[in-house]
């Protein structure tokens, strides 16, 4: 992509009040950066032609290079608001907050050939929001009760459906071999434990602000396999390939993590596109904690819906033909915030969806 030869485009970008950069390779070579972006990075024109990873090792540690490389691979644009980032000048590190977008520029074959990076420093407004939030009372009692009822009715469906399926199966197969019966009883035990965990976690979420969540080390490689098997029982008619990468353990509230992952795995299966459908799950270590990434090639979410999809009972406008309440993603957002984490969703119609979950913790804890 020959940006330097296009003087007209270059002059527009140079005069733009928004910080802008362009990467023109999967290795994240910096093809262009205007003065606004250089100011944010505390850098100069000498970085042009070099890779982002080479120039800013801290962006690798914080996971931004990983996000960019995933945009290049998938062609799915990534957007976020008030994202914290450490700006390093010499030995001094300053935490700032940014609204930014990594926009995938696609060719006629829908392959990414450049990434347009735009950013705005929103540190002052974010700090003001934090101060305001600290002074705001908890949600009203009526809203909390409504949310409690909605959450319970939504998240109890999966484990209850396993119990119902198993009960029906056992009642119709009285001469079942002992090993098969034992497996179903094990499924019953897991479902009952999950029901108990959901009730306890949901009640805990509705306590006053400041209630401390309990943390434990969770062996995610083992647990994710169990949760996938549970979802398979609930969506036995759906065919989807599960691609599991490195799964770091988490130091977190186990019942909250179960609800988060069960919802996201269930959504990927529910909104899959049939033949060739897959769900990829992997995790990454970054400076502040651990990130889990869910990537699927399902129906995707319309761009206009991305900003509101995490609100209570809001669903994608292209999902009306699929049963659902819209509670799941909103609950995931609440649970992540309960653990001082966050969620980001990127999606494109007909391509798929990428969900990133950030769990703050000391890596040594795991």
Protein backbone atom coordinates (compact mmCIF):
# COMPACT_ATOMS: atom_id res chain seq x y z
CA UNK A 1 0.00 0.00 0.00
CA UNK A 2 1.84 3.09 -1.26
CA UNK A 3 0.64 5.83 1.06
CA UNK A 4 3.66 8.10 0.53
CA UNK A 5 3.01 8.37 -3.22
CA UNK A 6 -0.51 9.67 -2.75
CA UNK A 7 0.16 13.28 -1.77
CA UNK A 8 -3.53 14.23 -1.75
CA UNK A 9 -4.49 11.50 0.72
CA UNK A 10 -1.38 12.20 2.74
CA UNK A 11 -2.24 15.88 3.11
CA UNK A 12 -5.75 15.01 4.34
CA UNK A 13 -4.42 12.59 6.93
CA UNK A 14 -1.76 15.05 8.05
CA UNK A 15 -4.37 17.75 8.61
CA UNK A 16 -6.82 15.42 10.36
CA UNK A 17 -7.45 16.35 14.02
CA UNK A 18 -7.78 12.65 14.85
CA UNK A 19 -4.70 10.58 15.62
CA UNK A 20 -4.22 8.19 12.69
CA UNK A 21 -1.80 5.41 11.74
CA UNK A 22 -1.72 2.76 9.02
CA UNK A 23 -0.20 -0.72 9.19
CA UNK A 24 0.44 -2.47 5.87
CA UNK A 25 1.54 -5.98 6.83
CA UNK A 26 0.67 -8.84 9.14
CA UNK A 27 3.85 -8.03 11.05
CA UNK A 28 2.36 -4.57 11.72
CA UNK A 29 4.79 -2.41 9.80
CA UNK A 30 3.93 1.25 10.37
CA UNK A 31 3.32 2.69 6.90
CA UNK A 32 2.05 6.03 8.16
CA UNK A 33 1.41 7.97 11.37
CA UNK A 34 0.23 11.57 11.54
CA UNK A 35 1.42 14.02 14.17
CA UNK A 36 -1.59 13.30 16.39
CA UNK A 37 -0.66 9.62 16.63
CA UNK A 38 3.03 10.40 17.10
CA UNK A 39 2.09 12.70 19.99
CA UNK A 40 0.04 9.93 21.61
CA UNK A 41 2.91 7.48 21.19
CA UNK A 42 5.50 10.09 22.27
CA UNK A 43 7.46 9.16 19.12
CA UNK A 44 8.77 10.78 15.93
CA UNK A 45 8.89 9.99 12.20
CA UNK A 46 11.84 7.62 12.66
CA UNK A 47 9.38 4.82 13.49
CA UNK A 48 7.87 4.82 9.97
CA UNK A 49 8.69 1.55 8.20
CA UNK A 50 9.41 -0.27 11.45
CA UNK A 51 7.02 -2.68 13.18
CA UNK A 52 4.80 -1.67 16.06
CA UNK A 53 6.24 -4.49 18.16
CA UNK A 54 9.80 -3.30 17.53
CA UNK A 55 9.02 0.33 18.41
CA UNK A 56 6.67 -0.25 21.37
CA UNK A 57 7.40 -3.44 23.36
CA UNK A 58 4.91 -2.33 26.01
CA UNK A 59 2.08 -2.60 23.45
CA UNK A 60 3.05 -6.26 23.03
CA UNK A 61 2.97 -6.80 26.79
CA UNK A 62 -0.45 -5.16 27.04
CA UNK A 63 -1.96 -7.24 24.22
CA UNK A 64 -2.53 -4.53 21.59
CA UNK A 65 -0.27 -6.15 18.99
CA UNK A 66 -2.17 -9.41 19.45
CA UNK A 67 -5.47 -7.63 18.78
CA UNK A 68 -4.04 -6.01 15.63
CA UNK A 69 -2.72 -9.32 14.32
CA UNK A 70 -6.12 -10.90 14.87
CA UNK A 71 -7.76 -8.06 12.91
CA UNK A 72 -5.33 -8.75 10.05
CA UNK A 73 -6.09 -12.48 10.19
CA UNK A 74 -9.89 -12.29 10.48
CA UNK A 75 -10.69 -9.04 8.66
CA UNK A 76 -12.95 -8.08 11.59
CA UNK A 77 -12.62 -4.49 12.76
CA UNK A 78 -11.92 -3.92 16.44
CA UNK A 79 -13.35 -0.93 18.36
CA UNK A 80 -13.17 -0.04 22.01
CA UNK A 81 -13.81 2.91 24.29
CA UNK A 82 -11.92 4.23 27.30
CA UNK A 83 -9.32 1.48 26.97
CA UNK A 84 -6.38 1.87 29.37
CA UNK A 85 -2.89 1.91 27.87
CA UNK A 86 0.50 2.67 29.33
CA UNK A 87 2.52 5.27 27.44
CA UNK A 88 6.24 4.82 28.07
CA UNK A 89 8.73 7.67 27.82
CA UNK A 90 12.18 6.59 28.95
CA UNK A 91 11.73 4.96 32.35
CA UNK A 92 8.42 6.72 33.04
CA UNK A 93 5.13 4.93 32.43
CA UNK A 94 1.85 6.90 32.33
CA UNK A 95 -1.60 5.33 32.26
CA UNK A 96 -3.97 6.96 29.77
CA UNK A 97 -7.41 6.03 28.37
CA UNK A 98 -8.28 5.95 24.66
CA UNK A 99 -11.20 5.44 22.32
CA UNK A 100 -9.72 3.69 19.31
CA UNK A 101 -10.49 1.62 16.24
CA UNK A 102 -8.43 -0.90 14.29
CA UNK A 103 -10.32 -0.84 10.99
CA UNK A 104 -9.59 -3.74 8.62
CA UNK A 105 -9.20 -2.54 5.02
CA UNK A 106 -10.23 -5.43 2.77
CA UNK A 107 -9.58 -6.21 -0.89
CA UNK A 108 -12.14 -7.64 -3.30
CA UNK A 109 -11.50 -11.11 -1.88
CA UNK A 110 -12.27 -9.82 1.64
CA UNK A 111 -8.63 -10.25 2.68
CA UNK A 112 -7.04 -7.61 4.87
CA UNK A 113 -4.28 -5.60 3.18
CA UNK A 114 -4.06 -2.68 5.64
CA UNK A 115 -5.29 -1.60 9.07
CA UNK A 116 -6.39 1.97 9.71
CA UNK A 117 -5.77 2.88 13.35
CA UNK A 118 -7.56 5.95 14.74
CA UNK A 119 -7.47 7.05 18.37
CA UNK A 120 -8.67 9.76 20.75
CA UNK A 121 -7.31 10.44 24.24
CA UNK A 122 -10.30 10.40 26.63
CA UNK A 123 -8.37 10.25 29.89
CA UNK A 124 -9.95 13.31 31.49
CA UNK A 125 -13.52 12.25 30.72
CA UNK A 126 -12.80 8.70 31.89
CA UNK A 127 -11.41 9.90 35.23
CA UNK A 128 -14.42 12.18 35.66
CA UNK A 129 -16.71 9.22 34.93
CA UNK A 130 -14.88 7.10 37.51
CA UNK A 131 -15.30 9.82 40.13
CA UNK A 132 -18.99 10.16 39.29
CA UNK A 133 -19.53 6.42 39.39
CA UNK A 134 -18.01 6.23 42.86
CA UNK A 135 -20.57 8.77 44.04
CA UNK A 136 -23.55 7.04 42.43
CA UNK A 137 -25.83 4.77 44.44
CA UNK A 138 -26.30 1.15 43.48
CA UNK A 139 -29.10 0.22 41.09
CA UNK A 140 -32.62 0.63 42.42
CA UNK A 141 -34.15 -2.29 44.30
CA UNK A 142 -36.88 -2.84 41.71
CA UNK A 143 -34.35 -3.03 38.88
CA UNK A 144 -32.17 -5.44 40.85
CA UNK A 145 -35.15 -7.70 41.50
CA UNK A 146 -36.12 -7.66 37.82
CA UNK A 147 -32.54 -8.44 36.87
CA UNK A 148 -32.38 -11.26 39.42
CA UNK A 149 -35.49 -12.91 37.97
CA UNK A 150 -34.28 -12.49 34.37
CA UNK A 151 -30.82 -13.83 35.12
CA UNK A 152 -32.07 -16.90 36.95
CA UNK A 153 -34.64 -17.78 34.29
CA UNK A 154 -32.02 -17.43 31.55
CA UNK A 155 -28.98 -19.15 33.01
CA UNK A 156 -30.76 -22.06 34.66
CA UNK A 157 -32.00 -23.29 31.28
CA UNK A 158 -28.79 -25.09 30.28
CA UNK A 159 -28.28 -27.25 33.39
CA UNK A 160 -32.03 -27.86 33.74
CA UNK A 161 -32.25 -29.04 30.13
CA UNK A 162 -29.47 -31.54 30.87
CA UNK A 163 -31.44 -32.88 33.83
CA UNK A 164 -34.62 -33.15 31.73
CA UNK A 165 -32.85 -34.87 28.84
CA UNK A 166 -31.18 -37.33 31.18
CA UNK A 167 -34.39 -38.09 33.05
CA UNK A 168 -36.25 -38.76 29.80
CA UNK A 169 -33.40 -40.90 28.47
CA UNK A 170 -33.11 -43.03 31.61
CA UNK A 171 -36.86 -43.53 31.92
CA UNK A 172 -36.99 -44.86 28.34
CA UNK A 173 -33.90 -47.06 28.70
CA UNK A 174 -34.31 -49.04 31.90
CA UNK A 175 -31.80 -51.72 30.78
CA UNK A 176 -29.04 -49.22 30.14
CA UNK A 177 -25.48 -50.48 30.61
CA UNK A 178 -23.89 -49.40 33.94
CA UNK A 179 -21.19 -47.26 32.32
CA UNK A 180 -23.74 -45.21 30.33
CA UNK A 181 -25.95 -44.78 33.39
CA UNK A 182 -22.92 -43.72 35.44
CA UNK A 183 -22.07 -41.05 32.85
CA UNK A 184 -25.60 -39.63 33.02
CA UNK A 185 -25.51 -39.54 36.82
CA UNK A 186 -22.21 -37.67 36.57
CA UNK A 187 -23.94 -35.19 34.21
CA UNK A 188 -26.72 -34.81 36.78
CA UNK A 189 -24.20 -34.04 39.53
CA UNK A 190 -22.43 -31.41 37.41
CA UNK A 191 -25.73 -29.78 36.45
CA UNK A 192 -26.93 -29.62 40.05
CA UNK A 193 -23.61 -28.05 41.09
CA UNK A 194 -23.92 -25.51 38.27
CA UNK A 195 -27.49 -24.65 39.29
CA UNK A 196 -26.30 -24.05 42.85
CA UNK A 197 -23.39 -21.94 41.57
CA UNK A 198 -25.69 -19.84 39.36
CA UNK A 199 -28.10 -19.15 42.21
CA UNK A 200 -25.30 -18.25 44.61
CA UNK A 201 -23.52 -16.04 42.07
CA UNK A 202 -26.70 -14.27 40.97
CA UNK A 203 -27.66 -13.52 44.55
CA UNK A 204 -24.15 -12.25 45.20
CA UNK A 205 -24.33 -9.93 42.19
CA UNK A 206 -27.44 -8.33 43.63
CA UNK A 207 -25.88 -7.48 46.98
CA UNK A 208 -24.76 -3.96 47.72
CA UNK A 209 -21.62 -2.66 46.02
CA UNK A 210 -18.46 -3.70 47.79
CA UNK A 211 -19.38 -7.35 48.33
CA UNK A 212 -16.14 -9.25 47.83
CA UNK A 213 -16.20 -12.09 45.32
CA UNK A 214 -14.42 -15.32 46.20
CA UNK A 215 -11.48 -16.36 44.04
CA UNK A 216 -9.83 -19.69 43.39
CA UNK A 217 -7.46 -21.16 40.84
CA UNK A 218 -9.52 -22.60 37.96
CA UNK A 219 -7.97 -25.23 35.66
CA UNK A 220 -9.51 -23.82 32.49
CA UNK A 221 -8.28 -26.59 30.16
CA UNK A 222 -10.36 -29.09 32.15
CA UNK A 223 -13.34 -26.84 32.87
CA UNK A 224 -13.82 -25.59 29.29
CA UNK A 225 -14.07 -29.18 28.05
CA UNK A 226 -16.76 -29.87 30.67
CA UNK A 227 -18.71 -26.74 29.71
CA UNK A 228 -18.50 -27.60 26.01
CA UNK A 229 -19.93 -31.06 26.74
CA UNK A 230 -22.80 -29.47 28.66
CA UNK A 231 -23.60 -27.14 25.76
CA UNK A 232 -23.43 -30.07 23.34
CA UNK A 233 -26.18 -31.81 25.29
CA UNK A 234 -28.36 -28.69 25.14
CA UNK A 235 -27.75 -28.14 21.39
CA UNK A 236 -27.37 -31.72 20.19
CA UNK A 237 -28.65 -30.85 16.71
CA UNK A 238 -25.94 -28.25 16.08
CA UNK A 239 -22.67 -29.34 14.48
CA UNK A 240 -19.67 -27.16 15.32
CA UNK A 241 -15.91 -27.71 15.54
CA UNK A 242 -14.21 -26.63 18.76
CA UNK A 243 -10.64 -25.37 18.38
CA UNK A 244 -8.92 -25.00 21.73
CA UNK A 245 -5.57 -23.24 22.03
CA UNK A 246 -3.49 -22.60 25.14
CA UNK A 247 -5.85 -22.16 28.08
CA UNK A 248 -4.22 -20.39 31.02
CA UNK A 249 -5.67 -21.04 34.50
CA UNK A 250 -7.62 -18.18 36.04
CA UNK A 251 -7.64 -16.90 39.59
CA UNK A 252 -11.29 -15.85 39.69
CA UNK A 253 -14.77 -16.57 41.00
CA UNK A 254 -15.50 -20.05 39.59
CA UNK A 255 -19.30 -19.70 39.42
CA UNK A 256 -19.02 -16.37 37.60
CA UNK A 257 -16.51 -17.81 35.12
CA UNK A 258 -18.84 -20.77 34.50
CA UNK A 259 -21.76 -18.48 33.67
CA UNK A 260 -19.60 -16.33 31.38
CA UNK A 261 -18.16 -19.22 29.40
CA UNK A 262 -21.41 -21.21 29.24
CA UNK A 263 -23.18 -18.16 27.78
CA UNK A 264 -20.48 -17.42 25.19
CA UNK A 265 -20.07 -21.06 24.11
CA UNK A 266 -23.85 -21.41 23.89
CA UNK A 267 -24.14 -18.25 21.79
CA UNK A 268 -21.46 -19.43 19.35
CA UNK A 269 -23.31 -22.71 18.88
CA UNK A 270 -26.76 -21.10 18.70
CA UNK A 271 -25.72 -18.58 16.04
CA UNK A 272 -23.46 -20.89 14.02
CA UNK A 273 -23.99 -21.22 10.27
CA UNK A 274 -24.00 -24.99 9.84
CA UNK A 275 -21.39 -26.64 7.60
CA UNK A 276 -17.86 -25.60 8.49
CA UNK A 277 -18.92 -23.81 11.69
CA UNK A 278 -16.25 -23.48 14.36
CA UNK A 279 -15.55 -21.88 17.72
CA UNK A 280 -11.94 -21.10 18.64
CA UNK A 281 -11.00 -20.42 22.26
CA UNK A 282 -7.53 -19.46 23.41
CA UNK A 283 -5.92 -17.29 26.07
CA UNK A 284 -3.03 -14.82 26.23
CA UNK A 285 -0.86 -13.52 29.03
CA UNK A 286 -0.55 -9.75 29.10
CA UNK A 287 1.05 -7.38 31.56
CA UNK A 288 -2.07 -6.74 33.65
CA UNK A 289 -3.62 -10.21 33.59
CA UNK A 290 -5.05 -12.81 31.22
CA UNK A 291 -7.19 -12.40 28.11
CA UNK A 292 -9.51 -15.11 26.77
CA UNK A 293 -10.46 -14.85 23.10
CA UNK A 294 -13.54 -16.46 21.54
CA UNK A 295 -13.59 -16.45 17.73
CA UNK A 296 -16.37 -17.95 15.58
CA UNK A 297 -17.53 -17.84 11.96
CA UNK A 298 -21.23 -17.51 12.78
CA UNK A 299 -23.84 -15.10 11.42
CA UNK A 300 -22.12 -12.07 12.97
CA UNK A 301 -23.67 -8.96 14.54
CA UNK A 302 -24.73 -5.89 12.52
CA UNK A 303 -22.41 -2.93 13.07
CA UNK A 304 -25.26 -0.71 14.30
CA UNK A 305 -26.07 -3.27 17.02
CA UNK A 306 -22.56 -3.61 18.48
CA UNK A 307 -22.86 -0.56 20.74
CA UNK A 308 -26.10 -1.78 22.35
CA UNK A 309 -25.73 -5.58 22.29
CA UNK A 310 -24.47 -5.65 25.90
CA UNK A 311 -27.62 -3.95 27.21
CA UNK A 312 -30.28 -6.00 29.00
CA UNK A 313 -32.59 -7.90 26.62
CA UNK A 314 -31.12 -6.36 23.46
CA UNK A 315 -30.38 -8.82 20.64
CA UNK A 316 -28.84 -8.49 17.21
CA UNK A 317 -31.39 -7.37 14.62
CA UNK A 318 -30.46 -10.37 12.44
CA UNK A 319 -31.24 -12.96 15.16
CA UNK A 320 -35.04 -12.73 15.36
CA UNK A 321 -35.40 -16.18 13.74
CA UNK A 322 -33.40 -17.79 16.57
CA UNK A 323 -34.88 -18.33 20.02
CA UNK A 324 -33.36 -16.22 22.78
CA UNK A 325 -33.92 -13.44 25.31
CA UNK A 326 -30.89 -11.17 24.91
CA UNK A 327 -29.99 -11.54 28.59
CA UNK A 328 -26.82 -13.60 28.12
CA UNK A 329 -24.34 -10.98 26.87
CA UNK A 330 -25.63 -8.39 29.33
CA UNK A 331 -25.07 -10.86 32.15
CA UNK A 332 -21.55 -11.59 30.87
CA UNK A 333 -20.79 -7.86 30.95
CA UNK A 334 -22.10 -7.57 34.54
CA UNK A 335 -20.09 -10.58 35.69
CA UNK A 336 -16.88 -9.31 34.07
CA UNK A 337 -17.33 -5.91 35.72
CA UNK A 338 -18.09 -7.67 39.02
CA UNK A 339 -14.59 -9.17 38.79
CA UNK A 340 -13.09 -5.82 37.69
CA UNK A 341 -12.59 -7.17 34.17
CA UNK A 342 -14.08 -6.14 30.85
CA UNK A 343 -15.48 -7.53 27.60
CA UNK A 344 -15.02 -6.35 24.03
CA UNK A 345 -17.01 -7.62 21.04
CA UNK A 346 -15.97 -7.23 17.39
CA UNK A 347 -18.11 -8.64 14.60
CA UNK A 348 -18.87 -8.55 10.89
CA UNK A 349 -21.95 -9.93 9.13
CA UNK A 350 -21.22 -13.17 7.32
CA UNK A 351 -17.68 -13.36 8.76
CA UNK A 352 -18.15 -13.98 12.46
CA UNK A 353 -17.57 -12.58 15.91
CA UNK A 354 -14.55 -12.11 18.18
CA UNK A 355 -15.08 -11.71 21.94
CA UNK A 356 -12.19 -10.70 24.20
CA UNK A 357 -12.46 -11.15 27.97
CA UNK A 358 -9.92 -9.44 30.20
CA UNK A 359 -9.38 -10.93 33.68
CA UNK A 360 -7.19 -8.69 35.86
CA UNK A 361 -4.80 -10.67 38.05
CA UNK A 362 -1.19 -11.20 38.80
CA UNK A 363 0.11 -13.82 36.40
CA UNK A 364 2.07 -15.36 39.33
CA UNK A 365 -1.26 -16.19 40.97
CA UNK A 366 -1.83 -18.78 38.27
